[in-house]
PDB file of N, CA and C in Angstrom:
ATOM      1  N   MET A   1      18.897  17.688 -71.606  1.00  0.00           N
ATOM      2  CA  MET A   1      18.974  16.661 -72.633  1.00  0.00           C
ATOM      3  C   MET A   1      19.038  15.296 -71.968  1.00  0.00           C
ATOM      4  N   ALA A   2      18.176  14.368 -72.353  1.00  0.00           N
ATOM      5  CA  ALA A   2      18.237  13.002 -71.853  1.00  0.00           C
ATOM      6  C   ALA A   2      19.455  12.310 -72.444  1.00  0.00           C
ATOM      7  N   LYS A   3      19.997  11.374 -71.682  1.00  0.00           N
ATOM      8  CA  LYS A   3      21.230  10.727 -72.116  1.00  0.00           C
ATOM      9  C   LYS A   3      21.060   9.882 -73.372  1.00  0.00           C
ATOM     10  N   ASP A   4      19.834   9.541 -73.755  1.00  0.00           N
ATOM     11  CA  ASP A   4      19.642   8.728 -74.952  1.00  0.00           C
ATOM     12  C   ASP A   4      19.314   9.565 -76.187  1.00  0.00           C
ATOM     13  N   ASP A   5      19.341  10.874 -76.071  1.00  0.00           N
ATOM     14  CA  ASP A   5      19.054  11.754 -77.205  1.00  0.00           C
ATOM     15  C   ASP A   5      20.304  11.982 -78.044  1.00  0.00           C
ATOM     16  N   TRP A   6      20.273  11.525 -79.285  1.00  0.00           N
ATOM     17  CA  TRP A   6      21.395  11.736 -80.196  1.00  0.00           C
ATOM     18  C   TRP A   6      21.353  13.167 -80.724  1.00  0.00           C
ATOM     19  N   GLN A   7      22.501  13.780 -80.861  1.00  0.00           N
ATOM     20  CA  GLN A   7      22.646  15.063 -81.538  1.00  0.00           C
ATOM     21  C   GLN A   7      23.459  14.803 -82.799  1.00  0.00           C
ATOM     22  N   LYS A   8      23.392  15.718 -83.754  1.00  0.00           N
ATOM     23  CA  LYS A   8      24.112  15.510 -85.009  1.00  0.00           C
ATOM     24  C   LYS A   8      24.698  16.823 -85.506  1.00  0.00           C
ATOM     25  N   VAL A   9      25.928  16.740 -86.013  1.00  0.00           N
ATOM     26  CA  VAL A   9      26.554  17.864 -86.705  1.00  0.00           C
ATOM     27  C   VAL A   9      27.076  17.348 -88.037  1.00  0.00           C
ATOM     28  N   GLU A  10      27.181  18.238 -89.010  1.00  0.00           N
ATOM     29  CA  GLU A  10      27.689  17.883 -90.331  1.00  0.00           C
ATOM     30  C   GLU A  10      28.652  18.948 -90.810  1.00  0.00           C
ATOM     31  N   GLY A  11      29.628  18.526 -91.615  1.00  0.00           N
ATOM     32  CA  GLY A  11      30.570  19.467 -92.200  1.00  0.00           C
ATOM     33  C   GLY A  11      31.942  18.840 -92.349  1.00  0.00           C
ATOM     34  N   GLN A  12      32.953  19.711 -92.486  1.00  0.00           N
ATOM     35  CA  GLN A  12      34.326  19.223 -92.550  1.00  0.00           C
ATOM     36  C   GLN A  12      35.212  20.165 -91.744  1.00  0.00           C
ATOM     37  N   GLY A  13      36.366  19.673 -91.362  1.00  0.00           N
ATOM     38  CA  GLY A  13      37.236  20.427 -90.469  1.00  0.00           C
ATOM     39  C   GLY A  13      36.777  20.236 -89.035  1.00  0.00           C
ATOM     40  N   TRP A  14      37.091  21.203 -88.181  1.00  0.00           N
ATOM     41  CA  TRP A  14      36.676  21.127 -86.779  1.00  0.00           C
ATOM     42  C   TRP A  14      35.180  21.376 -86.671  1.00  0.00           C
ATOM     43  N   LEU A  15      34.444  20.419 -86.105  1.00  0.00           N
ATOM     44  CA  LEU A  15      32.998  20.505 -85.940  1.00  0.00           C
ATOM     45  C   LEU A  15      32.674  20.679 -84.461  1.00  0.00           C
ATOM     46  N   SER A  16      31.846  21.659 -84.148  1.00  0.00           N
ATOM     47  CA  SER A  16      31.478  21.922 -82.761  1.00  0.00           C
ATOM     48  C   SER A  16      30.512  20.860 -82.245  1.00  0.00           C
ATOM     49  N   LEU A  17      30.794  20.359 -81.048  1.00  0.00           N
ATOM     50  CA  LEU A  17      29.904  19.446 -80.347  1.00  0.00           C
ATOM     51  C   LEU A  17      29.184  20.187 -79.223  1.00  0.00           C
ATOM     52  N   GLY A  18      29.071  21.504 -79.369  1.00  0.00           N
ATOM     53  CA  GLY A  18      28.416  22.333 -78.359  1.00  0.00           C
ATOM     54  C   GLY A  18      29.166  22.270 -77.041  1.00  0.00           C
ATOM     55  N   GLN A  19      28.461  21.986 -75.972  1.00  0.00           N
ATOM     56  CA  GLN A  19      29.054  21.935 -74.637  1.00  0.00           C
ATOM     57  C   GLN A  19      30.039  20.780 -74.462  1.00  0.00           C
ATOM     58  N   PHE A  20      30.153  19.885 -75.457  1.00  0.00           N
ATOM     59  CA  PHE A  20      31.023  18.718 -75.349  1.00  0.00           C
ATOM     60  C   PHE A  20      32.380  18.898 -76.031  1.00  0.00           C
ATOM     61  N   GLY A  21      32.665  20.061 -76.594  1.00  0.00           N
ATOM     62  CA  GLY A  21      33.961  20.289 -77.240  1.00  0.00           C
ATOM     63  C   GLY A  21      33.841  20.317 -78.750  1.00  0.00           C
ATOM     64  N   GLN A  22      34.829  19.721 -79.426  1.00  0.00           N
ATOM     65  CA  GLN A  22      34.810  19.689 -80.888  1.00  0.00           C
ATOM     66  C   GLN A  22      35.577  18.479 -81.400  1.00  0.00           C
ATOM     67  N   ILE A  23      35.305  18.114 -82.671  1.00  0.00           N
ATOM     68  CA  ILE A  23      35.936  16.951 -83.286  1.00  0.00           C
ATOM     69  C   ILE A  23      36.341  17.295 -84.711  1.00  0.00           C
ATOM     70  N   ASN A  24      37.415  16.680 -85.181  1.00  0.00           N
ATOM     71  CA  ASN A  24      37.913  16.900 -86.535  1.00  0.00           C
ATOM     72  C   ASN A  24      38.109  15.553 -87.234  1.00  0.00           C
ATOM     73  N   PRO A  25      37.036  14.983 -87.839  1.00  0.00           N
ATOM     74  CA  PRO A  25      37.195  13.737 -88.599  1.00  0.00           C
ATOM     75  C   PRO A  25      37.791  14.032 -89.969  1.00  0.00           C
ATOM     76  N   ARG A  26      38.630  13.114 -90.464  1.00  0.00           N
ATOM     77  CA  ARG A  26      39.277  13.337 -91.757  1.00  0.00           C
ATOM     78  C   ARG A  26      39.873  12.042 -92.279  1.00  0.00           C
ATOM     79  N   ASP A  27      40.248  12.057 -93.567  1.00  0.00           N
ATOM     80  CA  ASP A  27      40.965  10.931 -94.157  1.00  0.00           C
ATOM     81  C   ASP A  27      42.439  11.055 -93.829  1.00  0.00           C
ATOM     82  N   TRP A  28      43.114   9.924 -93.780  1.00  0.00           N
ATOM     83  CA  TRP A  28      44.545   9.898 -93.471  1.00  0.00           C
ATOM     84  C   TRP A  28      45.342  10.668 -94.504  1.00  0.00           C
ATOM     85  N   GLY A  29      44.987  10.485 -95.766  1.00  0.00           N
ATOM     86  CA  GLY A  29      45.678  11.200 -96.835  1.00  0.00           C
ATOM     87  C   GLY A  29      45.330  10.589 -98.181  1.00  0.00           C
ATOM     88  N   PRO A  30      45.760  11.227 -99.269  1.00  0.00           N
ATOM     89  CA  PRO A  30      45.441  10.734-100.610  1.00  0.00           C
ATOM     90  C   PRO A  30      45.929   9.300-100.816  1.00  0.00           C
ATOM     91  N   GLY A  31      45.049   8.463-101.346  1.00  0.00           N
ATOM     92  CA  GLY A  31      45.415   7.096-101.682  1.00  0.00           C
ATOM     93  C   GLY A  31      45.486   6.141-100.496  1.00  0.00           C
ATOM     94  N   VAL A  32      45.163   6.602 -99.297  1.00  0.00           N
ATOM     95  CA  VAL A  32      45.200   5.741 -98.110  1.00  0.00           C
ATOM     96  C   VAL A  32      43.772   5.595 -97.582  1.00  0.00           C
ATOM     97  N   ASP A  33      43.289   4.356 -97.513  1.00  0.00           N
ATOM     98  CA  ASP A  33      41.921   4.110 -97.059  1.00  0.00           C
ATOM     99  C   ASP A  33      41.900   3.979 -95.536  1.00  0.00           C
ATOM    100  N   LYS A  34      42.149   5.100 -94.863  1.00  0.00           N
ATOM    101  CA  LYS A  34      42.182   5.138 -93.408  1.00  0.00           C
ATOM    102  C   LYS A  34      41.510   6.430 -92.968  1.00  0.00           C
ATOM    103  N   HIS A  35      40.671   6.345 -91.948  1.00  0.00           N
ATOM    104  CA  HIS A  35      39.928   7.507 -91.463  1.00  0.00           C
ATOM    105  C   HIS A  35      40.327   7.773 -90.016  1.00  0.00           C
ATOM    106  N   ILE A  36      40.591   9.038 -89.697  1.00  0.00           N
ATOM    107  CA  ILE A  36      41.079   9.401 -88.369  1.00  0.00           C
ATOM    108  C   ILE A  36      40.288  10.592 -87.822  1.00  0.00           C
ATOM    109  N   PHE A  37      40.398  10.810 -86.514  1.00  0.00           N
ATOM    110  CA  PHE A  37      39.798  11.994 -85.907  1.00  0.00           C
ATOM    111  C   PHE A  37      40.621  12.402 -84.696  1.00  0.00           C
ATOM    112  N   THR A  38      40.496  13.664 -84.340  1.00  0.00           N
ATOM    113  CA  THR A  38      41.006  14.206 -83.092  1.00  0.00           C
ATOM    114  C   THR A  38      39.821  14.886 -82.422  1.00  0.00           C
ATOM    115  N   ALA A  39      39.638  14.674 -81.117  1.00  0.00           N
ATOM    116  CA  ALA A  39      38.503  15.267 -80.400  1.00  0.00           C
ATOM    117  C   ALA A  39      39.003  16.045 -79.188  1.00  0.00           C
ATOM    118  N   GLU A  40      38.662  17.326 -79.145  1.00  0.00           N
ATOM    119  CA  GLU A  40      39.058  18.190 -78.032  1.00  0.00           C
ATOM    120  C   GLU A  40      37.968  18.225 -76.966  1.00  0.00           C
ATOM    121  N   HIS A  41      38.383  18.093 -75.722  1.00  0.00           N
ATOM    122  CA  HIS A  41      37.494  18.135 -74.560  1.00  0.00           C
ATOM    123  C   HIS A  41      37.124  19.594 -74.275  1.00  0.00           C
ATOM    124  N   PRO A  42      35.918  19.880 -73.779  1.00  0.00           N
ATOM    125  CA  PRO A  42      35.531  21.273 -73.527  1.00  0.00           C
ATOM    126  C   PRO A  42      36.364  21.962 -72.441  1.00  0.00           C
ATOM    127  N   ASP A  43      36.996  21.206 -71.554  1.00  0.00           N
ATOM    128  CA  ASP A  43      37.830  21.790 -70.495  1.00  0.00           C
ATOM    129  C   ASP A  43      39.295  21.902 -70.900  1.00  0.00           C
ATOM    130  N   GLY A  44      39.601  21.672 -72.186  1.00  0.00           N
ATOM    131  CA  GLY A  44      40.980  21.675 -72.659  1.00  0.00           C
ATOM    132  C   GLY A  44      41.480  20.244 -72.747  1.00  0.00           C
ATOM    133  N   GLY A  45      42.552  20.045 -73.451  1.00  0.00           N
ATOM    134  CA  GLY A  45      43.055  18.689 -73.646  1.00  0.00           C
ATOM    135  C   GLY A  45      42.218  17.935 -74.661  1.00  0.00           C
ATOM    136  N   TYR A  46      42.407  16.620 -74.688  1.00  0.00           N
ATOM    137  CA  TYR A  46      41.756  15.775 -75.681  1.00  0.00           C
ATOM    138  C   TYR A  46      41.059  14.609 -75.011  1.00  0.00           C
ATOM    139  N   TYR A  47      40.006  14.126 -75.669  1.00  0.00           N
ATOM    140  CA  TYR A  47      39.338  12.910 -75.221  1.00  0.00           C
ATOM    141  C   TYR A  47      40.263  11.717 -75.450  1.00  0.00           C
ATOM    142  N   ILE A  48      39.993  10.640 -74.711  1.00  0.00           N
ATOM    143  CA  ILE A  48      40.663   9.362 -74.933  1.00  0.00           C
ATOM    144  C   ILE A  48      39.619   8.397 -75.477  1.00  0.00           C
ATOM    145  N   MET A  49      39.978   7.673 -76.526  1.00  0.00           N
ATOM    146  CA  MET A  49      39.068   6.683 -77.077  1.00  0.00           C
ATOM    147  C   MET A  49      39.078   5.461 -76.159  1.00  0.00           C
ATOM    148  N   ARG A  50      37.896   4.943 -75.850  1.00  0.00           N
ATOM    149  CA  ARG A  50      37.807   3.778 -74.967  1.00  0.00           C
ATOM    150  C   ARG A  50      38.663   2.648 -75.528  1.00  0.00           C
ATOM    151  N   GLY A  51      39.473   2.035 -74.655  1.00  0.00           N
ATOM    152  CA  GLY A  51      40.353   0.949 -75.064  1.00  0.00           C
ATOM    153  C   GLY A  51      41.749   1.419 -75.427  1.00  0.00           C
ATOM    154  N   LYS A  52      41.982   2.716 -75.464  1.00  0.00           N
ATOM    155  CA  LYS A  52      43.303   3.273 -75.765  1.00  0.00           C
ATOM    156  C   LYS A  52      43.913   3.821 -74.482  1.00  0.00           C
ATOM    157  N   GLU A  53      45.216   4.028 -74.489  1.00  0.00           N
ATOM    158  CA  GLU A  53      45.899   4.478 -73.278  1.00  0.00           C
ATOM    159  C   GLU A  53      46.250   5.955 -73.274  1.00  0.00           C
ATOM    160  N   ALA A  54      46.250   6.582 -74.411  1.00  0.00           N
ATOM    161  CA  ALA A  54      46.674   7.985 -74.472  1.00  0.00           C
ATOM    162  C   ALA A  54      45.715   8.778 -75.345  1.00  0.00           C
ATOM    163  N   SER A  55      45.641  10.068 -75.067  1.00  0.00           N
ATOM    164  CA  SER A  55      44.811  10.933 -75.899  1.00  0.00           C
ATOM    165  C   SER A  55      45.561  11.250 -77.179  1.00  0.00           C
ATOM    166  N   GLY A  56      44.814  11.670 -78.181  1.00  0.00           N
ATOM    167  CA  GLY A  56      45.461  12.025 -79.435  1.00  0.00           C
ATOM    168  C   GLY A  56      44.539  11.837 -80.612  1.00  0.00           C
ATOM    169  N   THR A  57      45.081  11.326 -81.698  1.00  0.00           N
ATOM    170  CA  THR A  57      44.344  11.105 -82.932  1.00  0.00           C
ATOM    171  C   THR A  57      44.140   9.606 -83.103  1.00  0.00           C
ATOM    172  N   TYR A  58      42.917   9.203 -83.448  1.00  0.00           N
ATOM    173  CA  TYR A  58      42.567   7.794 -83.528  1.00  0.00           C
ATOM    174  C   TYR A  58      41.986   7.437 -84.887  1.00  0.00           C
ATOM    175  N   GLU A  59      42.153   6.177 -85.259  1.00  0.00           N
ATOM    176  CA  GLU A  59      41.542   5.637 -86.463  1.00  0.00           C
ATOM    177  C   GLU A  59      40.122   5.181 -86.119  1.00  0.00           C
ATOM    178  N   PHE A  60      39.198   5.296 -87.082  1.00  0.00           N
ATOM    179  CA  PHE A  60      37.828   4.830 -86.877  1.00  0.00           C
ATOM    180  C   PHE A  60      37.294   4.224 -88.160  1.00  0.00           C
ATOM    181  N   GLU A  61      36.218   3.459 -88.030  1.00  0.00           N
ATOM    182  CA  GLU A  61      35.492   2.891 -89.166  1.00  0.00           C
ATOM    183  C   GLU A  61      34.168   3.632 -89.291  1.00  0.00           C
ATOM    184  N   PHE A  62      33.789   3.958 -90.521  1.00  0.00           N
ATOM    185  CA  PHE A  62      32.514   4.626 -90.738  1.00  0.00           C
ATOM    186  C   PHE A  62      31.358   3.786 -90.193  1.00  0.00           C
ATOM    187  N   ASP A  63      30.381   4.464 -89.621  1.00  0.00           N
ATOM    188  CA  ASP A  63      29.133   3.875 -89.142  1.00  0.00           C
ATOM    189  C   ASP A  63      29.315   2.833 -88.038  1.00  0.00           C
ATOM    190  N   SER A  64      30.463   2.841 -87.358  1.00  0.00           N
ATOM    191  CA  SER A  64      30.718   1.949 -86.225  1.00  0.00           C
ATOM    192  C   SER A  64      30.826   2.780 -84.952  1.00  0.00           C
ATOM    193  N   PRO A  65      29.958   2.541 -83.976  1.00  0.00           N
ATOM    194  CA  PRO A  65      29.980   3.338 -82.744  1.00  0.00           C
ATOM    195  C   PRO A  65      31.283   3.157 -81.963  1.00  0.00           C
ATOM    196  N   PHE A  66      31.706   4.222 -81.301  1.00  0.00           N
ATOM    197  CA  PHE A  66      32.851   4.166 -80.396  1.00  0.00           C
ATOM    198  C   PHE A  66      32.590   5.129 -79.254  1.00  0.00           C
ATOM    199  N   VAL A  67      33.388   5.018 -78.194  1.00  0.00           N
ATOM    200  CA  VAL A  67      33.188   5.824 -76.995  1.00  0.00           C
ATOM    201  C   VAL A  67      34.422   6.667 -76.725  1.00  0.00           C
ATOM    202  N   LEU A  68      34.188   7.934 -76.402  1.00  0.00           N
ATOM    203  CA  LEU A  68      35.250   8.846 -75.983  1.00  0.00           C
ATOM    204  C   LEU A  68      35.110   9.088 -74.487  1.00  0.00           C
ATOM    205  N   LEU A  69      36.209   8.938 -73.760  1.00  0.00           N
ATOM    206  CA  LEU A  69      36.210   9.135 -72.314  1.00  0.00           C
ATOM    207  C   LEU A  69      36.706  10.529 -71.986  1.00  0.00           C
ATOM    208  N   GLY A  70      35.954  11.226 -71.156  1.00  0.00           N
ATOM    209  CA  GLY A  70      36.286  12.598 -70.789  1.00  0.00           C
ATOM    210  C   GLY A  70      36.860  12.749 -69.401  1.00  0.00           C
ATOM    211  N   GLY A  71      37.354  11.676 -68.815  1.00  0.00           N
ATOM    212  CA  GLY A  71      37.973  11.761 -67.499  1.00  0.00           C
ATOM    213  C   GLY A  71      36.976  11.634 -66.366  1.00  0.00           C
ATOM    214  N   ALA A  72      37.460  11.853 -65.158  1.00  0.00           N
ATOM    215  CA  ALA A  72      36.643  11.657 -63.958  1.00  0.00           C
ATOM    216  C   ALA A  72      35.393  12.531 -63.939  1.00  0.00           C
ATOM    217  N   LYS A  73      35.486  13.746 -64.468  1.00  0.00           N
ATOM    218  CA  LYS A  73      34.342  14.670 -64.474  1.00  0.00           C
ATOM    219  C   LYS A  73      33.483  14.530 -65.722  1.00  0.00           C
ATOM    220  N   GLY A  74      33.959  13.747 -66.717  1.00  0.00           N
ATOM    221  CA  GLY A  74      33.210  13.594 -67.954  1.00  0.00           C
ATOM    222  C   GLY A  74      33.301  14.843 -68.812  1.00  0.00           C
ATOM    223  N   PRO A  75      32.469  14.940 -69.797  1.00  0.00           N
ATOM    224  CA  PRO A  75      31.493  13.951 -70.202  1.00  0.00           C
ATOM    225  C   PRO A  75      32.141  12.812 -70.986  1.00  0.00           C
ATOM    226  N   ASN A  76      31.462  11.666 -71.007  1.00  0.00           N
ATOM    227  CA  ASN A  76      31.845  10.559 -71.871  1.00  0.00           C
ATOM    228  C   ASN A  76      30.834  10.543 -73.009  1.00  0.00           C
ATOM    229  N   LEU A  77      31.299  10.313 -74.222  1.00  0.00           N
ATOM    230  CA  LEU A  77      30.423  10.395 -75.389  1.00  0.00           C
ATOM    231  C   LEU A  77      30.445   9.117 -76.206  1.00  0.00           C
ATOM    232  N   GLU A  78      29.272   8.698 -76.663  1.00  0.00           N
ATOM    233  CA  GLU A  78      29.168   7.659 -77.676  1.00  0.00           C
ATOM    234  C   GLU A  78      29.034   8.383 -79.004  1.00  0.00           C
ATOM    235  N   MET A  79      29.707   7.870 -80.034  1.00  0.00           N
ATOM    236  CA  MET A  79      29.780   8.602 -81.285  1.00  0.00           C
ATOM    237  C   MET A  79      29.732   7.659 -82.488  1.00  0.00           C
ATOM    238  N   VAL A  80      29.182   8.154 -83.594  1.00  0.00           N
ATOM    239  CA  VAL A  80      29.185   7.454 -84.875  1.00  0.00           C
ATOM    240  C   VAL A  80      29.498   8.493 -85.947  1.00  0.00           C
ATOM    241  N   ILE A  81      30.471   8.191 -86.816  1.00  0.00           N
ATOM    242  CA  ILE A  81      30.840   9.110 -87.899  1.00  0.00           C
ATOM    243  C   ILE A  81      30.471   8.469 -89.232  1.00  0.00           C
ATOM    244  N   THR A  82      29.799   9.237 -90.079  1.00  0.00           N
ATOM    245  CA  THR A  82      29.319   8.768 -91.375  1.00  0.00           C
ATOM    246  C   THR A  82      29.876   9.666 -92.478  1.00  0.00           C
ATOM    247  N   PRO A  83      30.304   9.077 -93.620  1.00  0.00           N
ATOM    248  CA  PRO A  83      30.762   9.920 -94.725  1.00  0.00           C
ATOM    249  C   PRO A  83      29.576  10.566 -95.430  1.00  0.00           C
ATOM    250  N   LEU A  84      29.743  11.810 -95.824  1.00  0.00           N
ATOM    251  CA  LEU A  84      28.740  12.525 -96.607  1.00  0.00           C
ATOM    252  C   LEU A  84      29.374  12.933 -97.936  1.00  0.00           C
ATOM    253  N   VAL A  85      28.678  13.678 -98.748  1.00  0.00           N
ATOM    254  CA  VAL A  85      29.191  14.110-100.047  1.00  0.00           C
ATOM    255  C   VAL A  85      30.242  15.208 -99.894  1.00  0.00           C
ATOM    256  N   ARG A  86      31.087  15.343-100.900  1.00  0.00           N
ATOM    257  CA  ARG A  86      32.090  16.409-101.009  1.00  0.00           C
ATOM    258  C   ARG A  86      33.036  16.494 -99.806  1.00  0.00           C
ATOM    259  N   GLY A  87      33.437  15.331 -99.287  1.00  0.00           N
ATOM    260  CA  GLY A  87      34.415  15.315 -98.207  1.00  0.00           C
ATOM    261  C   GLY A  87      33.894  15.733 -96.849  1.00  0.00           C
ATOM    262  N   GLN A  88      32.584  15.788 -96.709  1.00  0.00           N
ATOM    263  CA  GLN A  88      32.009  16.172 -95.423  1.00  0.00           C
ATOM    264  C   GLN A  88      31.686  14.925 -94.600  1.00  0.00           C
ATOM    265  N   TYR A  89      31.458  15.155 -93.307  1.00  0.00           N
ATOM    266  CA  TYR A  89      31.153  14.071 -92.384  1.00  0.00           C
ATOM    267  C   TYR A  89      29.907  14.405 -91.582  1.00  0.00           C
ATOM    268  N   GLY A  90      29.167  13.363 -91.234  1.00  0.00           N
ATOM    269  CA  GLY A  90      28.075  13.484 -90.285  1.00  0.00           C
ATOM    270  C   GLY A  90      28.532  12.833 -88.986  1.00  0.00           C
ATOM    271  N   VAL A  91      28.389  13.541 -87.882  1.00  0.00           N
ATOM    272  CA  VAL A  91      28.799  13.012 -86.580  1.00  0.00           C
ATOM    273  C   VAL A  91      27.579  12.992 -85.665  1.00  0.00           C
ATOM    274  N   ARG A  92      27.157  11.782 -85.272  1.00  0.00           N
ATOM    275  CA  ARG A  92      26.086  11.642 -84.283  1.00  0.00           C
ATOM    276  C   ARG A  92      26.749  11.379 -82.940  1.00  0.00           C
ATOM    277  N   PHE A  93      26.238  12.007 -81.885  1.00  0.00           N
ATOM    278  CA  PHE A  93      26.847  11.819 -80.572  1.00  0.00           C
ATOM    279  C   PHE A  93      25.809  11.989 -79.468  1.00  0.00           C
ATOM    280  N   ARG A  94      26.081  11.344 -78.352  1.00  0.00           N
ATOM    281  CA  ARG A  94      25.246  11.470 -77.159  1.00  0.00           C
ATOM    282  C   ARG A  94      26.099  11.116 -75.942  1.00  0.00           C
ATOM    283  N   GLU A  95      25.623  11.547 -74.779  1.00  0.00           N
ATOM    284  CA  GLU A  95      26.341  11.172 -73.565  1.00  0.00           C
ATOM    285  C   GLU A  95      26.285   9.661 -73.405  1.00  0.00           C
ATOM    286  N   TRP A  96      27.414   9.092 -73.036  1.00  0.00           N
ATOM    287  CA  TRP A  96      27.504   7.652 -72.834  1.00  0.00           C
ATOM    288  C   TRP A  96      27.011   7.330 -71.444  1.00  0.00           C
ATOM    289  N   GLN A  97      26.144   6.336 -71.325  1.00  0.00           N
ATOM    290  CA  GLN A  97      25.444   6.089 -70.076  1.00  0.00           C
ATOM    291  C   GLN A  97      26.207   5.231 -69.076  1.00  0.00           C
ATOM    292  N   GLU A  98      27.231   4.517 -69.501  1.00  0.00           N
ATOM    293  CA  GLU A  98      27.961   3.650 -68.584  1.00  0.00           C
ATOM    294  C   GLU A  98      29.142   4.380 -67.969  1.00  0.00           C
ATOM    295  N   SER A  99      29.519   3.965 -66.778  1.00  0.00           N
ATOM    296  CA  SER A  99      30.684   4.538 -66.106  1.00  0.00           C
ATOM    297  C   SER A  99      31.952   4.010 -66.758  1.00  0.00           C
ATOM    298  N   PRO A 100      32.969   4.854 -66.942  1.00  0.00           N
ATOM    299  CA  PRO A 100      34.216   4.392 -67.539  1.00  0.00           C
ATOM    300  C   PRO A 100      35.070   3.579 -66.584  1.00  0.00           C
ATOM    301  N   GLY A 101      34.683   3.456 -65.313  1.00  0.00           N
ATOM    302  CA  GLY A 101      35.487   2.710 -64.351  1.00  0.00           C
ATOM    303  C   GLY A 101      36.747   3.469 -64.003  1.00  0.00           C
ATOM    304  N   ASN A 102      37.823   2.766 -63.831  1.00  0.00           N
ATOM    305  CA  ASN A 102      39.093   3.390 -63.460  1.00  0.00           C
ATOM    306  C   ASN A 102      39.911   3.705 -64.700  1.00  0.00           C
ATOM    307  N   SER A 103      39.425   4.563 -65.540  1.00  0.00           N
ATOM    308  CA  SER A 103      40.134   4.938 -66.762  1.00  0.00           C
ATOM    309  C   SER A 103      41.120   6.051 -66.464  1.00  0.00           C
ATOM    310  N   ALA A 104      42.318   5.894 -66.950  1.00  0.00           N
ATOM    311  CA  ALA A 104      43.319   6.954 -66.796  1.00  0.00           C
ATOM    312  C   ALA A 104      43.009   8.056 -67.791  1.00  0.00           C
ATOM    313  N   TRP A 105      43.117   9.276 -67.352  1.00  0.00           N
ATOM    314  CA  TRP A 105      42.907  10.413 -68.245  1.00  0.00           C
ATOM    315  C   TRP A 105      43.709  11.580 -67.732  1.00  0.00           C
ATOM    316  N   SER A 106      44.581  12.077 -68.558  1.00  0.00           N
ATOM    317  CA  SER A 106      45.462  13.151 -68.112  1.00  0.00           C
ATOM    318  C   SER A 106      44.845  14.525 -68.316  1.00  0.00           C
ATOM    319  N   GLY A 107      43.949  14.656 -69.297  1.00  0.00           N
ATOM    320  CA  GLY A 107      43.371  15.952 -69.610  1.00  0.00           C
ATOM    321  C   GLY A 107      44.371  16.907 -70.229  1.00  0.00           C
ATOM    322  N   GLU A 108      45.491  16.402 -70.625  1.00  0.00           N
ATOM    323  CA  GLU A 108      46.555  17.235 -71.213  1.00  0.00           C
ATOM    324  C   GLU A 108      46.418  17.220 -72.716  1.00  0.00           C
TER     325      GLU A 108
END
């Protein structure tokens, strides 16, 4: 797969990203206009969102690209999450082409 080839998955709950792990996009809760996700790394542990210091669950905006860092061995992913009908999500993702530099990643 070339690094500029986008892949796409759709659904709700934990969505498989194939060899890149899985992601669980969701709403914060009833009556709260906040969207969150948790992304599991294929080697165990969780991805870190670029610009954050710890792995875990992050807030996101629909249709706004963001980057997940997978540590020294990668993979690093660029991602866009879009709302679909009936509470489902569309997740577009591809390998991120830039180096994360000296990003801390525990893999825990």
